[in-house]
Amino acid sequence: MMETKNTINTIQIAKASHRAAIIDFLESLHLPTVDLPLSLDNFIIVPDKETILGSCGLELYGSIALLRSLGVATHLQGQGLGNLLYRASLDLAQEKGVAEIYLITSTAADFFLKQGFRKVERAQVPTAIQQTAQFTSVCPSSATIMHKELT
C-alpha cells in the first residue's frame, strides 16, 4: 500500500509498536479497544511522535470486512483527515480482496451514508460479522449497522 501524504503527517499501516498509542488514542475518543485485534496489519494510522492523530481498522473475514476504529484527534476533526483514513482503508480492503464492508456505529451514520454505505438490519449481516465482539457485545444493539459493496 502506498503511503498517502497530507498536510499533517503520513498515513501508514500500523505496527505492533503502535499498539499502546492506538489504544490510548481510541480510548480518548471513547471508542472500544477491548476487542482490538492482536495483529494491527489491517489498521491505518496517522502517527505523530509518540501519539496517534487518526486511525481506521479492518477486521477481515474472507471477502468481507468489518470497518472499525475510524477516529481523528479532536483538534483535527473537520479537516478531511477522517476521509483520508477511510479512503486509505478502502484501498487496503481492495488490495486484500474484500468485496463487502460492514460497520457498526452509534455516532457516524451520516458520514458513512455520504460514503455510499446503506443501513442494514442486524439479521442481514453475515455470520462472520455477527460473531465479532463488535457485533455481539462491544457495540450496543441500538447501534446502526451499515454495508457497502466494493467494486
Protein backbone atom coordinates (compact mmCIF):
# COMPACT_ATOMS: atom_id res chain seq x y z
CA MET A 1 0.00 0.00 0.00
CA MET A 2 1.30 3.41 -0.90
CA GLU A 3 1.73 5.93 1.86
CA THR A 4 -0.52 8.94 1.47
CA LYS A 5 0.89 12.36 2.27
CA ASN A 6 -1.29 15.04 3.72
CA THR A 7 -0.52 18.32 5.43
CA ILE A 8 -0.44 16.70 8.85
CA ASN A 9 1.68 13.59 8.52
CA THR A 10 1.87 10.27 6.71
CA ILE A 11 -0.91 7.72 6.66
CA GLN A 12 0.64 4.30 7.17
CA ILE A 13 -0.06 0.74 8.20
CA ALA A 14 0.13 0.30 11.97
CA LYS A 15 2.93 -1.72 13.52
CA ALA A 16 2.88 -3.75 16.72
CA SER A 17 4.90 -0.97 18.36
CA HIS A 18 1.94 1.41 17.83
CA ARG A 19 -0.47 -0.74 19.87
CA ALA A 20 -0.31 1.19 23.17
CA ALA A 21 -0.60 4.55 21.40
CA ILE A 22 -3.57 3.30 19.34
CA ILE A 23 -5.32 2.11 22.50
CA ASP A 24 -4.70 5.47 24.20
CA PHE A 25 -5.97 7.30 21.12
CA LEU A 26 -9.14 5.22 20.73
CA GLU A 27 -9.91 5.48 24.45
CA SER A 28 -9.53 9.28 24.25
CA LEU A 29 -12.30 9.24 21.63
CA HIS A 30 -14.43 6.81 23.68
CA LEU A 31 -14.06 4.11 21.02
CA PRO A 32 -13.79 0.45 22.07
CA THR A 33 -10.39 -1.17 22.49
CA VAL A 34 -11.21 -4.34 24.43
CA ASP A 35 -11.50 -6.29 21.18
CA LEU A 36 -8.62 -4.67 19.29
CA PRO A 37 -7.15 -7.40 17.07
CA LEU A 38 -3.78 -8.81 18.08
CA SER A 39 -2.43 -8.09 14.62
CA LEU A 40 -2.67 -4.49 13.52
CA ASP A 41 -1.70 -5.31 9.90
CA ASN A 42 -5.05 -4.01 8.69
CA PHE A 43 -5.07 -0.76 10.66
CA ILE A 44 -4.24 2.56 9.04
CA ILE A 45 -2.90 5.28 11.31
CA VAL A 46 -1.50 8.80 11.30
CA PRO A 47 1.33 8.71 13.85
CA ASP A 48 2.82 11.82 15.40
CA LYS A 49 5.88 11.09 17.51
CA GLU A 50 4.54 9.01 20.43
CA THR A 51 0.86 9.64 19.74
CA ILE A 52 -1.74 8.83 17.11
CA LEU A 53 -3.69 11.55 15.31
CA GLY A 54 -6.04 9.25 13.42
CA SER A 55 -6.91 5.61 12.84
CA CYS A 56 -9.12 3.27 10.87
CA GLY A 57 -9.07 -0.51 11.02
CA LEU A 58 -10.34 -3.53 9.15
CA GLU A 59 -11.14 -6.95 10.51
CA LEU A 60 -11.01 -9.35 7.56
CA TYR A 61 -13.27 -12.39 7.20
CA GLY A 62 -12.55 -13.77 3.75
CA SER A 63 -14.08 -11.44 1.17
CA ILE A 64 -15.93 -9.37 3.78
CA ALA A 65 -14.57 -6.94 6.32
CA LEU A 66 -15.66 -5.04 9.40
CA LEU A 67 -14.54 -1.42 9.30
CA ARG A 68 -13.79 -0.15 12.80
CA SER A 69 -11.98 2.41 14.90
CA LEU A 70 -12.24 5.32 12.46
CA GLY A 71 -11.30 8.33 14.51
CA VAL A 72 -9.47 11.64 14.29
CA ALA A 73 -7.91 13.65 17.10
CA THR A 74 -10.44 16.20 18.32
CA HIS A 75 -8.33 19.21 17.34
CA LEU A 76 -8.06 17.95 13.74
CA GLN A 77 -11.68 16.99 13.13
CA GLY A 78 -13.42 18.65 10.21
CA GLN A 79 -10.23 18.99 8.15
CA GLY A 80 -10.62 15.90 5.94
CA LEU A 81 -8.32 13.54 7.81
CA GLY A 82 -11.15 11.10 8.56
CA ASN A 83 -11.94 10.98 4.86
CA LEU A 84 -8.28 10.27 4.03
CA LEU A 85 -8.15 7.46 6.58
CA TYR A 86 -11.39 6.00 5.30
CA ARG A 87 -10.17 6.09 1.67
CA ALA A 88 -6.83 4.51 2.63
CA SER A 89 -8.75 1.73 4.42
CA LEU A 90 -10.87 1.15 1.31
CA ASP A 91 -7.70 0.90 -0.78
CA LEU A 92 -6.29 -1.62 1.69
CA ALA A 93 -9.54 -3.61 1.63
CA GLN A 94 -9.43 -3.80 -2.15
CA GLU A 95 -5.77 -4.88 -2.05
CA LYS A 96 -6.81 -7.68 0.33
CA GLY A 97 -9.63 -8.86 -1.96
CA VAL A 98 -12.52 -7.56 0.15
CA ALA A 99 -15.81 -7.35 -1.77
CA GLU A 100 -18.08 -6.06 1.02
CA ILE A 101 -17.57 -3.91 4.10
CA TYR A 102 -19.78 -3.72 7.17
CA LEU A 103 -19.54 -1.31 10.09
CA ILE A 104 -21.32 -0.61 13.35
CA THR A 105 -21.71 2.97 14.53
CA SER A 106 -23.54 4.95 17.16
CA THR A 107 -22.29 8.36 16.05
CA ALA A 108 -21.15 8.44 12.42
CA ALA A 109 -24.03 7.09 10.31
CA ASP A 110 -24.37 10.37 8.40
CA PHE A 111 -20.67 10.34 7.44
CA PHE A 112 -20.92 6.78 6.15
CA LEU A 113 -24.18 7.40 4.27
CA LYS A 114 -22.26 10.09 2.35
CA GLN A 115 -19.59 7.47 1.57
CA GLY A 116 -22.12 5.17 -0.09
CA PHE A 117 -22.93 2.88 2.82
CA ARG A 118 -26.52 1.86 3.44
CA LYS A 119 -28.18 0.88 6.69
CA VAL A 120 -28.97 -2.81 7.12
CA GLU A 121 -30.88 -4.85 9.69
CA ARG A 122 -28.90 -6.97 12.14
CA ALA A 123 -30.40 -10.15 10.64
CA GLN A 124 -28.94 -9.25 7.21
CA VAL A 125 -25.35 -9.28 8.47
CA PRO A 126 -23.21 -12.30 7.53
CA THR A 127 -22.49 -14.82 10.27
CA ALA A 128 -18.77 -13.96 10.36
CA ILE A 129 -19.59 -10.36 11.28
CA GLN A 130 -22.37 -11.40 13.67
CA GLN A 131 -19.78 -13.43 15.60
CA THR A 132 -17.43 -10.49 16.17
CA ALA A 133 -17.13 -8.86 19.58
CA GLN A 134 -18.17 -5.56 17.99
CA PHE A 135 -21.50 -7.11 16.95
CA THR A 136 -22.17 -9.34 19.95
CA SER A 137 -21.09 -7.28 22.93
CA VAL A 138 -18.94 -4.22 22.37
CA CYS A 139 -21.37 -2.05 20.40
CA PRO A 140 -24.90 -1.54 21.73
CA SER A 141 -27.72 -3.36 19.97
CA SER A 142 -29.16 0.08 19.19
CA ALA A 143 -26.11 0.96 17.05
CA THR A 144 -26.57 1.42 13.30
CA ILE A 145 -25.20 -1.36 11.10
CA MET A 146 -24.13 -0.36 7.63
CA HIS A 147 -22.94 -2.12 4.48
CA LYS A 148 -21.11 -1.20 1.29
CA GLU A 149 -20.15 -3.31 -1.71
CA LEU A 150 -16.76 -2.55 -3.21
CA THR A 151 -16.37 -2.53 -6.99
